[in-house]
């Protein structure tokens, strides 16, 4: 390992993250009773301009009065380029900071954006006597944000997670798509003609590079990488496929923009019983090898070593969090 230590963000369970519009308080109780890990009450894209103030009041009231059980609670504020942002932070933190765990900052473009919100939140916490440090979630959803993703990830001790905002990212990149997440038939490879003249089309994932870049920045700074929305909530198999791709790249959670997607995210982002069993067997086998003075050993016909221990420990710890 490098001599440079990586301080890990708080180990919150973040398999699923449900978006709930602040302008629709009738949805709050249902969200609180769901099996989602994290809820973000939204003041940004899902709220019309003339509803911003009412939505803010709804969220303050709900944070103080609704029984959210053990849910991790976040609020997505409006962007720093709007005049709504400062009042979002001031009102929510001053009036409901005791029940607020995270602030989600949209369209983060530079490390200075993080610094600005950090300064404001720190002053409010000091003035009101809040003892719990509120964490930050950052949505990487612009070309500027992706260019500066590493600086953003290391910009504050409050940082906990990076999220891929696929829709606004596509717009920022001028990508030729109008869907939210998923695949694109034009992002494909056409094989050379076979002996019979036929050719095959292999679709690719046009978001692979962006998510991979974000995951690297997140993990290098001890943060949780979270995949963003999948717009077609009538396509559960498409959602799961997108979630599996993100998980394969290192994401540990995915947004749910509809309650039906919560169970799908929890399923995909949870290790299976077979995976946990194998991880425990790896740990046991390596313990025996270490006792015998060996640094590697075979298990089920495959080599395992100290890198295998680190992989297994991640799975076992995730299973422990879920069980708790």
C-alpha atoms as a PDB file:
ATOM      1  CA  UNK A   1       0.000   0.000   0.000  1.00  0.00           C
ATOM      2  CA  UNK A   2       1.017   3.589  -0.528  1.00  0.00           C
ATOM      3  CA  UNK A   3       2.383   5.518   2.431  1.00  0.00           C
ATOM      4  CA  UNK A   4      -0.487   7.976   1.797  1.00  0.00           C
ATOM      5  CA  UNK A   5      -3.405   6.854   3.977  1.00  0.00           C
ATOM      6  CA  UNK A   6      -6.989   7.021   2.682  1.00  0.00           C
ATOM      7  CA  UNK A   7      -9.520   8.068   5.292  1.00  0.00           C
ATOM      8  CA  UNK A   8     -12.786   6.259   4.650  1.00  0.00           C
ATOM      9  CA  UNK A   9     -16.125   8.072   4.761  1.00  0.00           C
ATOM     10  CA  UNK A  10     -18.630   6.891   7.382  1.00  0.00           C
ATOM     11  CA  UNK A  11     -19.674   3.335   6.536  1.00  0.00           C
ATOM     12  CA  UNK A  12     -23.317   3.926   5.736  1.00  0.00           C
ATOM     13  CA  UNK A  13     -25.331   1.269   3.946  1.00  0.00           C
ATOM     14  CA  UNK A  14     -26.054   2.876   0.557  1.00  0.00           C
ATOM     15  CA  UNK A  15     -27.335   0.119  -1.727  1.00  0.00           C
ATOM     16  CA  UNK A  16     -30.462   2.049  -2.678  1.00  0.00           C
ATOM     17  CA  UNK A  17     -31.188   5.778  -2.615  1.00  0.00           C
ATOM     18  CA  UNK A  18     -34.753   6.927  -3.174  1.00  0.00           C
ATOM     19  CA  UNK A  19     -35.573  10.325  -4.658  1.00  0.00           C
ATOM     20  CA  UNK A  20     -38.664  11.958  -3.115  1.00  0.00           C
ATOM     21  CA  UNK A  21     -39.887  15.366  -4.369  1.00  0.00           C
ATOM     22  CA  UNK A  22     -40.203  17.909  -1.581  1.00  0.00           C
ATOM     23  CA  UNK A  23     -43.343  19.249  -3.228  1.00  0.00           C
ATOM     24  CA  UNK A  24     -45.178  15.929  -2.712  1.00  0.00           C
ATOM     25  CA  UNK A  25     -45.410  15.393   1.059  1.00  0.00           C
ATOM     26  CA  UNK A  26     -47.997  12.641   0.557  1.00  0.00           C
ATOM     27  CA  UNK A  27     -45.057  10.445  -0.528  1.00  0.00           C
ATOM     28  CA  UNK A  28     -43.002  10.950   2.644  1.00  0.00           C
ATOM     29  CA  UNK A  29     -44.639   8.333   4.878  1.00  0.00           C
ATOM     30  CA  UNK A  30     -44.491   5.646   2.194  1.00  0.00           C
ATOM     31  CA  UNK A  31     -40.803   6.361   1.646  1.00  0.00           C
ATOM     32  CA  UNK A  32     -40.155   6.167   5.397  1.00  0.00           C
ATOM     33  CA  UNK A  33     -41.786   2.731   5.547  1.00  0.00           C
ATOM     34  CA  UNK A  34     -39.869   1.335   2.554  1.00  0.00           C
ATOM     35  CA  UNK A  35     -36.745  -0.837   2.671  1.00  0.00           C
ATOM     36  CA  UNK A  36     -34.541   1.849   1.122  1.00  0.00           C
ATOM     37  CA  UNK A  37     -31.184   2.641   2.719  1.00  0.00           C
ATOM     38  CA  UNK A  38     -30.995   6.370   1.942  1.00  0.00           C
ATOM     39  CA  UNK A  39     -33.739   8.891   1.137  1.00  0.00           C
ATOM     40  CA  UNK A  40     -33.033  12.216  -0.482  1.00  0.00           C
ATOM     41  CA  UNK A  41     -35.798  14.768  -0.246  1.00  0.00           C
ATOM     42  CA  UNK A  42     -35.521  16.861  -3.374  1.00  0.00           C
ATOM     43  CA  UNK A  43     -35.598  20.627  -3.756  1.00  0.00           C
ATOM     44  CA  UNK A  44     -34.038  20.725  -7.202  1.00  0.00           C
ATOM     45  CA  UNK A  45     -35.112  19.190 -10.522  1.00  0.00           C
ATOM     46  CA  UNK A  46     -38.378  17.598  -9.383  1.00  0.00           C
ATOM     47  CA  UNK A  47     -39.694  20.868  -7.903  1.00  0.00           C
ATOM     48  CA  UNK A  48     -41.098  23.679 -10.062  1.00  0.00           C
ATOM     49  CA  UNK A  49     -39.736  27.206  -9.400  1.00  0.00           C
ATOM     50  CA  UNK A  50     -42.960  28.488  -7.880  1.00  0.00           C
ATOM     51  CA  UNK A  51     -43.033  25.463  -5.525  1.00  0.00           C
ATOM     52  CA  UNK A  52     -39.492  25.819  -4.136  1.00  0.00           C
ATOM     53  CA  UNK A  53     -40.392  27.634  -0.914  1.00  0.00           C
ATOM     54  CA  UNK A  54     -43.336  25.379  -0.115  1.00  0.00           C
ATOM     55  CA  UNK A  55     -41.227  22.282  -0.804  1.00  0.00           C
ATOM     56  CA  UNK A  56     -38.521  23.592   1.538  1.00  0.00           C
ATOM     57  CA  UNK A  57     -41.083  24.081   4.302  1.00  0.00           C
ATOM     58  CA  UNK A  58     -42.484  20.601   3.657  1.00  0.00           C
ATOM     59  CA  UNK A  59     -39.025  19.067   4.054  1.00  0.00           C
ATOM     60  CA  UNK A  60     -38.228  20.919   7.281  1.00  0.00           C
ATOM     61  CA  UNK A  61     -41.555  19.809   8.760  1.00  0.00           C
ATOM     62  CA  UNK A  62     -41.114  16.217   7.598  1.00  0.00           C
ATOM     63  CA  UNK A  63     -37.569  15.871   8.919  1.00  0.00           C
ATOM     64  CA  UNK A  64     -38.785  16.971  12.330  1.00  0.00           C
ATOM     65  CA  UNK A  65     -42.084  15.089  12.468  1.00  0.00           C
ATOM     66  CA  UNK A  66     -41.994  11.942  10.301  1.00  0.00           C
ATOM     67  CA  UNK A  67     -40.617   8.751  11.827  1.00  0.00           C
ATOM     68  CA  UNK A  68     -37.882   7.905   9.336  1.00  0.00           C
ATOM     69  CA  UNK A  69     -36.768   4.918  11.406  1.00  0.00           C
ATOM     70  CA  UNK A  70     -33.079   4.227  10.792  1.00  0.00           C
ATOM     71  CA  UNK A  71     -33.045   5.720   7.302  1.00  0.00           C
ATOM     72  CA  UNK A  72     -30.126   7.921   6.309  1.00  0.00           C
ATOM     73  CA  UNK A  73     -31.693  11.262   5.382  1.00  0.00           C
ATOM     74  CA  UNK A  74     -30.388  13.612   2.714  1.00  0.00           C
ATOM     75  CA  UNK A  75     -31.712  16.786   1.078  1.00  0.00           C
ATOM     76  CA  UNK A  76     -30.825  17.739  -2.481  1.00  0.00           C
ATOM     77  CA  UNK A  77     -30.422  21.488  -2.536  1.00  0.00           C
ATOM     78  CA  UNK A  78     -30.661  23.689  -5.610  1.00  0.00           C
ATOM     79  CA  UNK A  79     -27.546  24.458  -7.615  1.00  0.00           C
ATOM     80  CA  UNK A  80     -25.008  27.090  -6.646  1.00  0.00           C
ATOM     81  CA  UNK A  81     -25.962  29.033  -9.770  1.00  0.00           C
ATOM     82  CA  UNK A  82     -29.485  29.669  -8.416  1.00  0.00           C
ATOM     83  CA  UNK A  83     -30.794  32.072  -5.777  1.00  0.00           C
ATOM     84  CA  UNK A  84     -32.575  29.196  -4.022  1.00  0.00           C
ATOM     85  CA  UNK A  85     -29.441  27.447  -2.785  1.00  0.00           C
ATOM     86  CA  UNK A  86     -28.447  29.575   0.190  1.00  0.00           C
ATOM     87  CA  UNK A  87     -31.944  29.544   1.664  1.00  0.00           C
ATOM     88  CA  UNK A  88     -32.164  25.765   1.140  1.00  0.00           C
ATOM     89  CA  UNK A  89     -29.033  25.283   3.238  1.00  0.00           C
ATOM     90  CA  UNK A  90     -29.836  27.876   5.896  1.00  0.00           C
ATOM     91  CA  UNK A  91     -33.456  26.900   6.500  1.00  0.00           C
ATOM     92  CA  UNK A  92     -33.002  23.134   6.411  1.00  0.00           C
ATOM     93  CA  UNK A  93     -29.849  22.989   8.531  1.00  0.00           C
ATOM     94  CA  UNK A  94     -30.992  25.611  11.049  1.00  0.00           C
ATOM     95  CA  UNK A  95     -34.473  24.164  11.488  1.00  0.00           C
ATOM     96  CA  UNK A  96     -33.951  20.422  10.957  1.00  0.00           C
ATOM     97  CA  UNK A  97     -30.227  19.804  11.204  1.00  0.00           C
ATOM     98  CA  UNK A  98     -30.563  17.292  14.024  1.00  0.00           C
ATOM     99  CA  UNK A  99     -32.290  14.776  11.722  1.00  0.00           C
ATOM    100  CA  UNK A 100     -30.305  15.612   8.591  1.00  0.00           C
ATOM    101  CA  UNK A 101     -27.418  13.287   7.757  1.00  0.00           C
ATOM    102  CA  UNK A 102     -26.381  14.468   4.299  1.00  0.00           C
ATOM    103  CA  UNK A 103     -26.684  17.342   1.863  1.00  0.00           C
ATOM    104  CA  UNK A 104     -26.738  16.398  -1.804  1.00  0.00           C
ATOM    105  CA  UNK A 105     -25.100  19.046  -3.985  1.00  0.00           C
ATOM    106  CA  UNK A 106     -26.133  18.946  -7.654  1.00  0.00           C
ATOM    107  CA  UNK A 107     -24.030  19.803 -10.705  1.00  0.00           C
ATOM    108  CA  UNK A 108     -20.817  20.208  -8.740  1.00  0.00           C
ATOM    109  CA  UNK A 109     -18.266  21.629 -11.152  1.00  0.00           C
ATOM    110  CA  UNK A 110     -15.212  22.576  -9.112  1.00  0.00           C
ATOM    111  CA  UNK A 111     -13.675  22.060  -5.688  1.00  0.00           C
ATOM    112  CA  UNK A 112     -14.577  25.691  -4.947  1.00  0.00           C
ATOM    113  CA  UNK A 113     -18.275  24.763  -5.159  1.00  0.00           C
ATOM    114  CA  UNK A 114     -17.749  22.269  -2.348  1.00  0.00           C
ATOM    115  CA  UNK A 115     -15.775  24.811  -0.327  1.00  0.00           C
ATOM    116  CA  UNK A 116     -18.606  27.342  -0.596  1.00  0.00           C
ATOM    117  CA  UNK A 117     -21.259  24.984   0.784  1.00  0.00           C
ATOM    118  CA  UNK A 118     -18.861  23.660   3.412  1.00  0.00           C
ATOM    119  CA  UNK A 119     -18.231  27.184   4.683  1.00  0.00           C
ATOM    120  CA  UNK A 120     -21.948  27.919   4.921  1.00  0.00           C
ATOM    121  CA  UNK A 121     -22.827  24.650   6.675  1.00  0.00           C
ATOM    122  CA  UNK A 122     -19.918  25.006   9.110  1.00  0.00           C
ATOM    123  CA  UNK A 123     -21.059  28.487  10.135  1.00  0.00           C
ATOM    124  CA  UNK A 124     -24.630  27.290  10.693  1.00  0.00           C
ATOM    125  CA  UNK A 125     -23.478  24.296  12.744  1.00  0.00           C
ATOM    126  CA  UNK A 126     -21.274  26.522  14.893  1.00  0.00           C
ATOM    127  CA  UNK A 127     -24.004  29.133  15.374  1.00  0.00           C
ATOM    128  CA  UNK A 128     -26.733  26.632  16.286  1.00  0.00           C
ATOM    129  CA  UNK A 129     -24.574  24.280  18.351  1.00  0.00           C
ATOM    130  CA  UNK A 130     -25.070  21.221  16.149  1.00  0.00           C
ATOM    131  CA  UNK A 131     -22.664  18.514  17.256  1.00  0.00           C
ATOM    132  CA  UNK A 132     -23.255  16.050  14.403  1.00  0.00           C
ATOM    133  CA  UNK A 133     -21.258  16.801  11.272  1.00  0.00           C
ATOM    134  CA  UNK A 134     -23.479  16.802   8.193  1.00  0.00           C
ATOM    135  CA  UNK A 135     -21.957  14.950   5.257  1.00  0.00           C
ATOM    136  CA  UNK A 136     -21.950  15.797   1.543  1.00  0.00           C
ATOM    137  CA  UNK A 137     -23.108  13.832  -1.487  1.00  0.00           C
ATOM    138  CA  UNK A 138     -21.963  15.228  -4.840  1.00  0.00           C
ATOM    139  CA  UNK A 139     -23.655  14.609  -8.170  1.00  0.00           C
ATOM    140  CA  UNK A 140     -21.162  14.506 -11.031  1.00  0.00           C
ATOM    141  CA  UNK A 141     -23.391  15.457 -13.940  1.00  0.00           C
ATOM    142  CA  UNK A 142     -21.517  17.939 -16.107  1.00  0.00           C
ATOM    143  CA  UNK A 143     -18.416  17.869 -18.279  1.00  0.00           C
ATOM    144  CA  UNK A 144     -16.819  20.377 -15.884  1.00  0.00           C
ATOM    145  CA  UNK A 145     -17.587  18.175 -12.893  1.00  0.00           C
ATOM    146  CA  UNK A 146     -16.148  15.092 -14.579  1.00  0.00           C
ATOM    147  CA  UNK A 147     -13.019  17.011 -15.548  1.00  0.00           C
ATOM    148  CA  UNK A 148     -12.535  18.059 -11.920  1.00  0.00           C
ATOM    149  CA  UNK A 149     -13.902  14.934 -10.252  1.00  0.00           C
ATOM    150  CA  UNK A 150     -10.691  14.110  -8.381  1.00  0.00           C
ATOM    151  CA  UNK A 151     -10.402  17.619  -6.917  1.00  0.00           C
ATOM    152  CA  UNK A 152     -14.091  17.563  -5.974  1.00  0.00           C
ATOM    153  CA  UNK A 153     -13.709  14.187  -4.237  1.00  0.00           C
ATOM    154  CA  UNK A 154     -10.926  15.537  -2.026  1.00  0.00           C
ATOM    155  CA  UNK A 155     -12.357  19.005  -1.413  1.00  0.00           C
ATOM    156  CA  UNK A 156     -13.928  18.514   2.027  1.00  0.00           C
ATOM    157  CA  UNK A 157     -13.807  16.278   5.072  1.00  0.00           C
ATOM    158  CA  UNK A 158     -17.612  16.251   4.824  1.00  0.00           C
ATOM    159  CA  UNK A 159     -17.544  14.356   1.523  1.00  0.00           C
ATOM    160  CA  UNK A 160     -19.119  10.908   1.669  1.00  0.00           C
ATOM    161  CA  UNK A 161     -20.215   9.907  -1.824  1.00  0.00           C
ATOM    162  CA  UNK A 162     -20.102  10.699  -5.537  1.00  0.00           C
ATOM    163  CA  UNK A 163     -23.159  10.066  -7.719  1.00  0.00           C
ATOM    164  CA  UNK A 164     -23.359   9.809 -11.500  1.00  0.00           C
ATOM    165  CA  UNK A 165     -26.122  12.067 -12.834  1.00  0.00           C
ATOM    166  CA  UNK A 166     -26.566  10.517 -16.241  1.00  0.00           C
ATOM    167  CA  UNK A 167     -29.290  12.765 -17.693  1.00  0.00           C
ATOM    168  CA  UNK A 168     -27.644  16.134 -17.101  1.00  0.00           C
ATOM    169  CA  UNK A 169     -24.270  14.620 -17.954  1.00  0.00           C
ATOM    170  CA  UNK A 170     -25.630  13.509 -21.321  1.00  0.00           C
ATOM    171  CA  UNK A 171     -26.967  17.022 -21.946  1.00  0.00           C
ATOM    172  CA  UNK A 172     -23.679  18.617 -20.897  1.00  0.00           C
ATOM    173  CA  UNK A 173     -21.753  16.317 -23.232  1.00  0.00           C
ATOM    174  CA  UNK A 174     -24.239  16.928 -26.087  1.00  0.00           C
ATOM    175  CA  UNK A 175     -24.683  13.162 -26.245  1.00  0.00           C
ATOM    176  CA  UNK A 176     -27.205  11.971 -28.832  1.00  0.00           C
ATOM    177  CA  UNK A 177     -29.706  10.438 -26.464  1.00  0.00           C
ATOM    178  CA  UNK A 178     -32.899  11.502 -24.726  1.00  0.00           C
ATOM    179  CA  UNK A 179     -33.280   8.591 -22.293  1.00  0.00           C
ATOM    180  CA  UNK A 180     -32.191   8.602 -18.655  1.00  0.00           C
ATOM    181  CA  UNK A 181     -29.615   5.855 -18.259  1.00  0.00           C
ATOM    182  CA  UNK A 182     -29.662   2.529 -20.042  1.00  0.00           C
ATOM    183  CA  UNK A 183     -28.143   1.645 -23.380  1.00  0.00           C
ATOM    184  CA  UNK A 184     -28.111   3.220 -26.831  1.00  0.00           C
ATOM    185  CA  UNK A 185     -28.475   1.190 -30.015  1.00  0.00           C
ATOM    186  CA  UNK A 186     -26.071   3.539 -31.790  1.00  0.00           C
ATOM    187  CA  UNK A 187     -23.289   2.832 -29.274  1.00  0.00           C
ATOM    188  CA  UNK A 188     -22.408  -0.503 -30.854  1.00  0.00           C
ATOM    189  CA  UNK A 189     -19.742  -2.438 -32.721  1.00  0.00           C
ATOM    190  CA  UNK A 190     -20.518  -4.011 -36.094  1.00  0.00           C
ATOM    191  CA  UNK A 191     -18.528  -7.170 -36.767  1.00  0.00           C
ATOM    192  CA  UNK A 192     -16.860  -7.911 -40.077  1.00  0.00           C
ATOM    193  CA  UNK A 193     -18.954 -10.033 -42.456  1.00  0.00           C
ATOM    194  CA  UNK A 194     -18.888 -13.748 -41.795  1.00  0.00           C
ATOM    195  CA  UNK A 195     -18.473 -16.437 -44.456  1.00  0.00           C
ATOM    196  CA  UNK A 196     -22.178 -16.139 -45.221  1.00  0.00           C
ATOM    197  CA  UNK A 197     -22.012 -12.356 -45.392  1.00  0.00           C
ATOM    198  CA  UNK A 198     -23.910 -11.849 -42.134  1.00  0.00           C
ATOM    199  CA  UNK A 199     -22.778  -9.319 -39.545  1.00  0.00           C
ATOM    200  CA  UNK A 200     -23.522  -9.029 -35.827  1.00  0.00           C
ATOM    201  CA  UNK A 201     -24.173  -5.950 -33.738  1.00  0.00           C
ATOM    202  CA  UNK A 202     -22.773  -5.812 -30.187  1.00  0.00           C
ATOM    203  CA  UNK A 203     -24.218  -3.018 -28.069  1.00  0.00           C
ATOM    204  CA  UNK A 204     -21.947  -1.292 -25.572  1.00  0.00           C
ATOM    205  CA  UNK A 205     -22.393   0.819 -22.451  1.00  0.00           C
ATOM    206  CA  UNK A 206     -21.877   4.457 -23.402  1.00  0.00           C
ATOM    207  CA  UNK A 207     -21.575   5.434 -19.719  1.00  0.00           C
ATOM    208  CA  UNK A 208     -18.812   2.950 -18.880  1.00  0.00           C
ATOM    209  CA  UNK A 209     -15.924   5.417 -19.034  1.00  0.00           C
ATOM    210  CA  UNK A 210     -17.703   8.150 -17.067  1.00  0.00           C
ATOM    211  CA  UNK A 211     -18.764   5.835 -14.250  1.00  0.00           C
ATOM    212  CA  UNK A 212     -15.325   4.221 -14.122  1.00  0.00           C
ATOM    213  CA  UNK A 213     -13.648   7.642 -13.814  1.00  0.00           C
ATOM    214  CA  UNK A 214     -16.010   8.621 -11.018  1.00  0.00           C
ATOM    215  CA  UNK A 215     -15.433   5.343  -9.164  1.00  0.00           C
ATOM    216  CA  UNK A 216     -11.667   5.835  -9.262  1.00  0.00           C
ATOM    217  CA  UNK A 217     -11.978   9.360  -7.816  1.00  0.00           C
ATOM    218  CA  UNK A 218     -14.380   8.162  -5.134  1.00  0.00           C
ATOM    219  CA  UNK A 219     -12.355   5.155  -4.001  1.00  0.00           C
ATOM    220  CA  UNK A 220      -9.063   7.097  -4.083  1.00  0.00           C
ATOM    221  CA  UNK A 221     -10.614   9.495  -1.567  1.00  0.00           C
ATOM    222  CA  UNK A 222     -12.457   6.979   0.610  1.00  0.00           C
ATOM    223  CA  UNK A 223     -15.911   7.863  -0.741  1.00  0.00           C
ATOM    224  CA  UNK A 224     -18.889   5.746  -1.835  1.00  0.00           C
ATOM    225  CA  UNK A 225     -19.514   5.693  -5.609  1.00  0.00           C
ATOM    226  CA  UNK A 226     -23.238   5.561  -6.393  1.00  0.00           C
ATOM    227  CA  UNK A 227     -24.860   5.082  -9.797  1.00  0.00           C
ATOM    228  CA  UNK A 228     -27.669   7.486 -10.640  1.00  0.00           C
ATOM    229  CA  UNK A 229     -31.146   7.149 -12.124  1.00  0.00           C
ATOM    230  CA  UNK A 230     -32.643   4.718 -14.625  1.00  0.00           C
ATOM    231  CA  UNK A 231     -35.602   6.480 -16.157  1.00  0.00           C
ATOM    232  CA  UNK A 232     -37.753   3.587 -17.399  1.00  0.00           C
ATOM    233  CA  UNK A 233     -39.290   2.298 -14.177  1.00  0.00           C
ATOM    234  CA  UNK A 234     -41.459  -0.089 -16.223  1.00  0.00           C
ATOM    235  CA  UNK A 235     -38.319  -2.045 -17.182  1.00  0.00           C
ATOM    236  CA  UNK A 236     -37.028  -3.836 -14.071  1.00  0.00           C
ATOM    237  CA  UNK A 237     -34.672  -6.096 -16.034  1.00  0.00           C
ATOM    238  CA  UNK A 238     -33.109  -3.095 -17.755  1.00  0.00           C
ATOM    239  CA  UNK A 239     -32.669  -1.434 -14.359  1.00  0.00           C
ATOM    240  CA  UNK A 240     -31.005  -4.520 -12.902  1.00  0.00           C
ATOM    241  CA  UNK A 241     -28.684  -4.829 -15.901  1.00  0.00           C
ATOM    242  CA  UNK A 242     -27.582  -1.209 -15.451  1.00  0.00           C
ATOM    243  CA  UNK A 243     -27.101  -1.780 -11.724  1.00  0.00           C
ATOM    244  CA  UNK A 244     -25.043  -4.929 -12.291  1.00  0.00           C
ATOM    245  CA  UNK A 245     -22.781  -3.039 -14.727  1.00  0.00           C
ATOM    246  CA  UNK A 246     -22.275  -0.267 -12.181  1.00  0.00           C
ATOM    247  CA  UNK A 247     -21.606  -2.785  -9.399  1.00  0.00           C
ATOM    248  CA  UNK A 248     -19.054  -4.559 -11.580  1.00  0.00           C
ATOM    249  CA  UNK A 249     -17.187  -1.245 -11.901  1.00  0.00           C
ATOM    250  CA  UNK A 250     -17.195  -0.687  -8.132  1.00  0.00           C
ATOM    251  CA  UNK A 251     -20.394   1.236  -7.380  1.00  0.00           C
ATOM    252  CA  UNK A 252     -22.028   0.196  -4.139  1.00  0.00           C
ATOM    253  CA  UNK A 253     -25.469   1.666  -4.702  1.00  0.00           C
ATOM    254  CA  UNK A 254     -27.958   3.006  -7.232  1.00  0.00           C
ATOM    255  CA  UNK A 255     -30.732   5.575  -7.244  1.00  0.00           C
ATOM    256  CA  UNK A 256     -34.388   4.636  -7.236  1.00  0.00           C
ATOM    257  CA  UNK A 257     -36.662   7.203  -8.865  1.00  0.00           C
ATOM    258  CA  UNK A 258     -39.689   4.976  -8.240  1.00  0.00           C
ATOM    259  CA  UNK A 259     -40.434   2.869  -5.139  1.00  0.00           C
ATOM    260  CA  UNK A 260     -40.465  -0.288  -7.266  1.00  0.00           C
ATOM    261  CA  UNK A 261     -36.753   0.173  -7.966  1.00  0.00           C
ATOM    262  CA  UNK A 262     -35.745   0.023  -4.287  1.00  0.00           C
ATOM    263  CA  UNK A 263     -35.975  -3.761  -4.016  1.00  0.00           C
ATOM    264  CA  UNK A 264     -34.104  -4.136  -7.310  1.00  0.00           C
ATOM    265  CA  UNK A 265     -31.222  -1.974  -6.090  1.00  0.00           C
ATOM    266  CA  UNK A 266     -31.057  -3.784  -2.755  1.00  0.00           C
ATOM    267  CA  UNK A 267     -30.990  -7.138  -4.545  1.00  0.00           C
ATOM    268  CA  UNK A 268     -28.231  -6.254  -6.991  1.00  0.00           C
ATOM    269  CA  UNK A 269     -26.074  -4.329  -4.540  1.00  0.00           C
ATOM    270  CA  UNK A 270     -26.225  -6.995  -1.814  1.00  0.00           C
ATOM    271  CA  UNK A 271     -23.798  -9.940  -1.868  1.00  0.00           C
ATOM    272  CA  UNK A 272     -25.518 -13.271  -2.381  1.00  0.00           C
ATOM    273  CA  UNK A 273     -25.452 -16.010   0.231  1.00  0.00           C
ATOM    274  CA  UNK A 274     -23.103 -17.990  -2.007  1.00  0.00           C
ATOM    275  CA  UNK A 275     -20.726 -15.026  -2.350  1.00  0.00           C
ATOM    276  CA  UNK A 276     -20.630 -14.475   1.413  1.00  0.00           C
ATOM    277  CA  UNK A 277     -20.074 -18.197   2.029  1.00  0.00           C
ATOM    278  CA  UNK A 278     -17.164 -18.239  -0.429  1.00  0.00           C
ATOM    279  CA  UNK A 279     -15.691 -15.093   1.150  1.00  0.00           C
ATOM    280  CA  UNK A 280     -15.779 -16.716   4.587  1.00  0.00           C
ATOM    281  CA  UNK A 281     -14.123 -19.830   3.156  1.00  0.00           C
ATOM    282  CA  UNK A 282     -11.382 -17.649   1.643  1.00  0.00           C
ATOM    283  CA  UNK A 283     -10.757 -15.990   5.003  1.00  0.00           C
ATOM    284  CA  UNK A 284     -10.633 -19.366   6.740  1.00  0.00           C
ATOM    285  CA  UNK A 285      -8.284 -20.848   4.121  1.00  0.00           C
ATOM    286  CA  UNK A 286      -5.930 -17.865   4.301  1.00  0.00           C
ATOM    287  CA  UNK A 287      -5.906 -18.017   8.102  1.00  0.00           C
ATOM    288  CA  UNK A 288      -4.777 -21.646   7.869  1.00  0.00           C
ATOM    289  CA  UNK A 289      -2.163 -20.749   5.243  1.00  0.00           C
ATOM    290  CA  UNK A 290      -0.824 -17.925   7.371  1.00  0.00           C
ATOM    291  CA  UNK A 291      -0.550 -20.226  10.370  1.00  0.00           C
ATOM    292  CA  UNK A 292       1.514 -22.552   8.201  1.00  0.00           C
ATOM    293  CA  UNK A 293       3.771 -19.706   7.070  1.00  0.00           C
ATOM    294  CA  UNK A 294       2.313 -19.489   3.560  1.00  0.00           C
ATOM    295  CA  UNK A 295       1.305 -16.309   1.730  1.00  0.00           C
ATOM    296  CA  UNK A 296      -0.914 -18.038  -0.807  1.00  0.00           C
ATOM    297  CA  UNK A 297      -2.961 -21.207  -1.093  1.00  0.00           C
ATOM    298  CA  UNK A 298      -5.393 -22.824  -3.526  1.00  0.00           C
ATOM    299  CA  UNK A 299      -9.136 -23.006  -2.972  1.00  0.00           C
ATOM    300  CA  UNK A 300     -11.512 -24.709  -5.391  1.00  0.00           C
ATOM    301  CA  UNK A 301      -8.681 -24.951  -7.902  1.00  0.00           C
ATOM    302  CA  UNK A 302      -7.877 -21.229  -7.821  1.00  0.00           C
ATOM    303  CA  UNK A 303      -5.007 -19.309  -6.273  1.00  0.00           C
ATOM    304  CA  UNK A 304      -5.888 -17.054  -3.353  1.00  0.00           C
ATOM    305  CA  UNK A 305      -3.513 -14.683  -1.565  1.00  0.00           C
ATOM    306  CA  UNK A 306      -3.581 -11.557   0.589  1.00  0.00           C
ATOM    307  CA  UNK A 307      -5.390  -9.612  -2.147  1.00  0.00           C
ATOM    308  CA  UNK A 308      -8.111 -12.257  -1.920  1.00  0.00           C
ATOM    309  CA  UNK A 309      -8.441 -11.498   1.798  1.00  0.00           C
ATOM    310  CA  UNK A 310      -9.144  -7.829   1.105  1.00  0.00           C
ATOM    311  CA  UNK A 311     -11.791  -8.722  -1.478  1.00  0.00           C
ATOM    312  CA  UNK A 312     -13.416 -11.225   0.869  1.00  0.00           C
ATOM    313  CA  UNK A 313     -13.409  -8.807   3.784  1.00  0.00           C
ATOM    314  CA  UNK A 314     -15.344  -6.257   1.726  1.00  0.00           C
ATOM    315  CA  UNK A 315     -18.109  -8.787   1.036  1.00  0.00           C
ATOM    316  CA  UNK A 316     -18.282 -10.018   4.618  1.00  0.00           C
ATOM    317  CA  UNK A 317     -18.451  -6.469   5.982  1.00  0.00           C
ATOM    318  CA  UNK A 318     -21.259  -5.573   3.553  1.00  0.00           C
ATOM    319  CA  UNK A 319     -23.193  -8.651   4.666  1.00  0.00           C
ATOM    320  CA  UNK A 320     -22.668  -7.638   8.294  1.00  0.00           C
ATOM    321  CA  UNK A 321     -24.030  -4.135   7.605  1.00  0.00           C
ATOM    322  CA  UNK A 322     -27.122  -5.547   5.899  1.00  0.00           C
ATOM    323  CA  UNK A 323     -27.773  -7.986   8.717  1.00  0.00           C
ATOM    324  CA  UNK A 324     -27.482  -5.173  11.252  1.00  0.00           C
END
